[in-house]
Amino acid sequence: MRIEVESQGEVFTFESKTPLSINEILNKLEIAPSTVLAVYEGTILPHTSIIESDVKLELVIVSSGG
């Protein structure tokens, strides 16, 4: 399957023969899961969601501070 991840104007693409969770995808991209939301077609997905087919995800950075 083909996975595309868009983050801050950059698109990262890779292939996987096995299903992956969003956490696993973020780890492959060396992105800390706690810093982003994964969005698919306007819907925020839990990082435990399993991706089993071609997909294009958008990552939205989560701001924090005080």
N, C-alpha and C. Protein backbone atom coordinates (compact mmCIF):
# COMPACT_ATOMS: atom_id res chain seq x y z
N MET A 1 0.84 -1.17 0.00
CA MET A 1 0.00 0.00 0.00
C MET A 1 0.89 1.23 0.00
N ARG A 2 0.35 2.31 -0.52
CA ARG A 2 1.08 3.58 -0.61
C ARG A 2 0.54 4.53 0.45
N ILE A 3 1.45 5.08 1.25
CA ILE A 3 1.07 6.00 2.32
C ILE A 3 1.71 7.35 2.03
N GLU A 4 0.89 8.39 1.95
CA GLU A 4 1.38 9.75 1.79
C GLU A 4 1.03 10.53 3.05
N VAL A 5 2.00 11.26 3.56
CA VAL A 5 1.80 12.05 4.77
C VAL A 5 2.24 13.47 4.47
N GLU A 6 1.31 14.41 4.61
CA GLU A 6 1.63 15.82 4.39
C GLU A 6 1.80 16.50 5.73
N SER A 7 2.93 17.19 5.89
CA SER A 7 3.22 17.90 7.12
C SER A 7 3.98 19.17 6.80
N GLN A 8 3.43 20.29 7.19
CA GLN A 8 4.05 21.60 7.00
C GLN A 8 4.48 21.83 5.56
N GLY A 9 3.64 21.49 4.62
CA GLY A 9 3.91 21.73 3.21
C GLY A 9 4.79 20.69 2.53
N GLU A 10 5.29 19.72 3.27
CA GLU A 10 6.10 18.65 2.69
C GLU A 10 5.27 17.37 2.62
N VAL A 11 5.49 16.58 1.58
CA VAL A 11 4.78 15.31 1.45
C VAL A 11 5.81 14.18 1.51
N PHE A 12 5.58 13.26 2.44
CA PHE A 12 6.44 12.09 2.60
C PHE A 12 5.65 10.89 2.08
N THR A 13 6.28 10.07 1.26
CA THR A 13 5.62 8.92 0.67
C THR A 13 6.44 7.67 0.92
N PHE A 14 5.76 6.60 1.32
CA PHE A 14 6.45 5.32 1.43
C PHE A 14 5.46 4.19 1.21
N GLU A 15 6.00 3.01 0.98
CA GLU A 15 5.21 1.81 0.71
C GLU A 15 5.31 0.85 1.89
N SER A 16 4.25 0.10 2.12
CA SER A 16 4.26 -0.93 3.15
C SER A 16 3.47 -2.13 2.63
N LYS A 17 3.98 -3.31 2.90
CA LYS A 17 3.28 -4.54 2.52
C LYS A 17 2.34 -5.02 3.61
N THR A 18 2.48 -4.45 4.81
CA THR A 18 1.65 -4.86 5.94
C THR A 18 0.90 -3.67 6.50
N PRO A 19 -0.25 -3.89 7.13
CA PRO A 19 -0.98 -2.80 7.77
C PRO A 19 -0.12 -2.14 8.86
N LEU A 20 -0.31 -0.83 9.02
CA LEU A 20 0.43 -0.07 10.02
C LEU A 20 -0.52 0.82 10.80
N SER A 21 -0.22 1.01 12.07
CA SER A 21 -0.98 2.00 12.84
C SER A 21 -0.41 3.38 12.53
N ILE A 22 -1.17 4.40 12.83
CA ILE A 22 -0.68 5.76 12.63
C ILE A 22 0.55 5.99 13.51
N ASN A 23 0.56 5.44 14.72
CA ASN A 23 1.75 5.53 15.58
C ASN A 23 2.98 4.97 14.88
N GLU A 24 2.84 3.82 14.23
CA GLU A 24 3.97 3.21 13.52
C GLU A 24 4.43 4.08 12.35
N ILE A 25 3.48 4.68 11.66
CA ILE A 25 3.81 5.58 10.54
C ILE A 25 4.60 6.78 11.06
N LEU A 26 4.12 7.37 12.14
CA LEU A 26 4.81 8.53 12.72
C LEU A 26 6.21 8.15 13.18
N ASN A 27 6.36 6.98 13.79
CA ASN A 27 7.68 6.53 14.23
C ASN A 27 8.62 6.35 13.04
N LYS A 28 8.12 5.81 11.92
CA LYS A 28 8.94 5.66 10.72
C LYS A 28 9.42 7.02 10.20
N LEU A 29 8.59 8.04 10.38
CA LEU A 29 8.93 9.39 9.92
C LEU A 29 9.69 10.18 10.99
N GLU A 30 9.93 9.54 12.12
CA GLU A 30 10.61 10.18 13.26
C GLU A 30 9.89 11.45 13.73
N ILE A 31 8.57 11.32 13.82
CA ILE A 31 7.71 12.41 14.32
C ILE A 31 7.09 11.94 15.63
N ALA A 32 7.25 12.72 16.68
CA ALA A 32 6.68 12.36 17.98
C ALA A 32 5.16 12.41 17.89
N PRO A 33 4.47 11.30 18.17
CA PRO A 33 3.01 11.27 18.06
C PRO A 33 2.31 12.33 18.91
N SER A 34 2.90 12.70 20.04
CA SER A 34 2.26 13.68 20.92
C SER A 34 2.25 15.09 20.35
N THR A 35 2.97 15.31 19.24
CA THR A 35 3.07 16.67 18.69
C THR A 35 2.13 16.93 17.52
N VAL A 36 1.41 15.89 17.05
CA VAL A 36 0.57 16.07 15.86
C VAL A 36 -0.78 15.35 15.98
N LEU A 37 -1.73 15.85 15.20
CA LEU A 37 -2.99 15.16 14.97
C LEU A 37 -2.94 14.62 13.55
N ALA A 38 -3.45 13.41 13.34
CA ALA A 38 -3.53 12.83 12.01
C ALA A 38 -4.93 13.05 11.48
N VAL A 39 -5.02 13.63 10.28
CA VAL A 39 -6.32 13.97 9.69
C VAL A 39 -6.46 13.26 8.35
N TYR A 40 -7.61 12.61 8.17
CA TYR A 40 -7.94 11.95 6.91
C TYR A 40 -9.29 12.47 6.44
N GLU A 41 -9.29 13.11 5.27
CA GLU A 41 -10.51 13.66 4.69
C GLU A 41 -11.30 14.48 5.70
N GLY A 42 -10.60 15.33 6.45
CA GLY A 42 -11.26 16.23 7.39
C GLY A 42 -11.60 15.64 8.74
N THR A 43 -11.28 14.37 8.95
CA THR A 43 -11.59 13.70 10.22
C THR A 43 -10.30 13.37 10.96
N ILE A 44 -10.25 13.74 12.24
CA ILE A 44 -9.10 13.40 13.07
C ILE A 44 -9.17 11.92 13.43
N LEU A 45 -8.06 11.23 13.20
CA LEU A 45 -8.00 9.79 13.48
C LEU A 45 -7.18 9.53 14.75
N PRO A 46 -7.60 8.57 15.56
CA PRO A 46 -6.78 8.16 16.69
C PRO A 46 -5.46 7.57 16.18
N HIS A 47 -4.40 7.77 16.92
CA HIS A 47 -3.10 7.24 16.49
C HIS A 47 -3.06 5.72 16.52
N THR A 48 -4.06 5.10 17.12
CA THR A 48 -4.13 3.64 17.13
C THR A 48 -4.83 3.08 15.89
N SER A 49 -5.35 3.97 15.04
CA SER A 49 -6.03 3.54 13.81
C SER A 49 -5.07 2.75 12.93
N ILE A 50 -5.58 1.67 12.34
CA ILE A 50 -4.76 0.82 11.47
C ILE A 50 -5.04 1.19 10.01
N ILE A 51 -3.96 1.45 9.28
CA ILE A 51 -4.07 1.77 7.86
C ILE A 51 -3.81 0.50 7.07
N GLU A 52 -4.78 0.13 6.20
CA GLU A 52 -4.68 -1.13 5.46
C GLU A 52 -4.71 -0.96 3.95
N SER A 53 -4.87 0.29 3.48
CA SER A 53 -4.90 0.54 2.04
C SER A 53 -4.28 1.91 1.76
N ASP A 54 -4.14 2.23 0.48
CA ASP A 54 -3.56 3.52 0.10
C ASP A 54 -4.26 4.65 0.83
N VAL A 55 -3.47 5.61 1.31
CA VAL A 55 -4.05 6.70 2.09
C VAL A 55 -3.18 7.95 1.97
N LYS A 56 -3.82 9.09 2.11
CA LYS A 56 -3.11 10.36 2.21
C LYS A 56 -3.55 11.01 3.52
N LEU A 57 -2.61 11.17 4.43
CA LEU A 57 -2.89 11.77 5.73
C LEU A 57 -2.29 13.16 5.80
N GLU A 58 -2.94 14.02 6.54
CA GLU A 58 -2.40 15.34 6.82
C GLU A 58 -2.08 15.38 8.31
N LEU A 59 -0.91 15.92 8.64
CA LEU A 59 -0.55 16.08 10.04
C LEU A 59 -0.72 17.54 10.44
N VAL A 60 -1.41 17.77 11.54
CA VAL A 60 -1.62 19.10 12.07
C VAL A 60 -0.84 19.19 13.38
N ILE A 61 0.03 20.18 13.46
CA ILE A 61 0.86 20.34 14.66
C ILE A 61 -0.01 20.83 15.81
N VAL A 62 0.19 20.21 16.97
CA VAL A 62 -0.52 20.57 18.17
C VAL A 62 0.33 21.57 18.94
N SER A 63 -0.23 22.74 19.20
CA SER A 63 0.51 23.75 19.96
C SER A 63 0.22 23.56 21.45
N SER A 64 1.24 23.80 22.23
CA SER A 64 1.04 23.74 23.68
C SER A 64 1.94 24.76 24.33
N GLY A 65 1.66 25.03 25.53
CA GLY A 65 2.46 26.01 26.26
C GLY A 65 1.58 26.76 27.23
N GLY A 66 2.17 27.72 27.88
CA GLY A 66 1.34 28.42 28.83
C GLY A 66 1.92 29.74 29.23
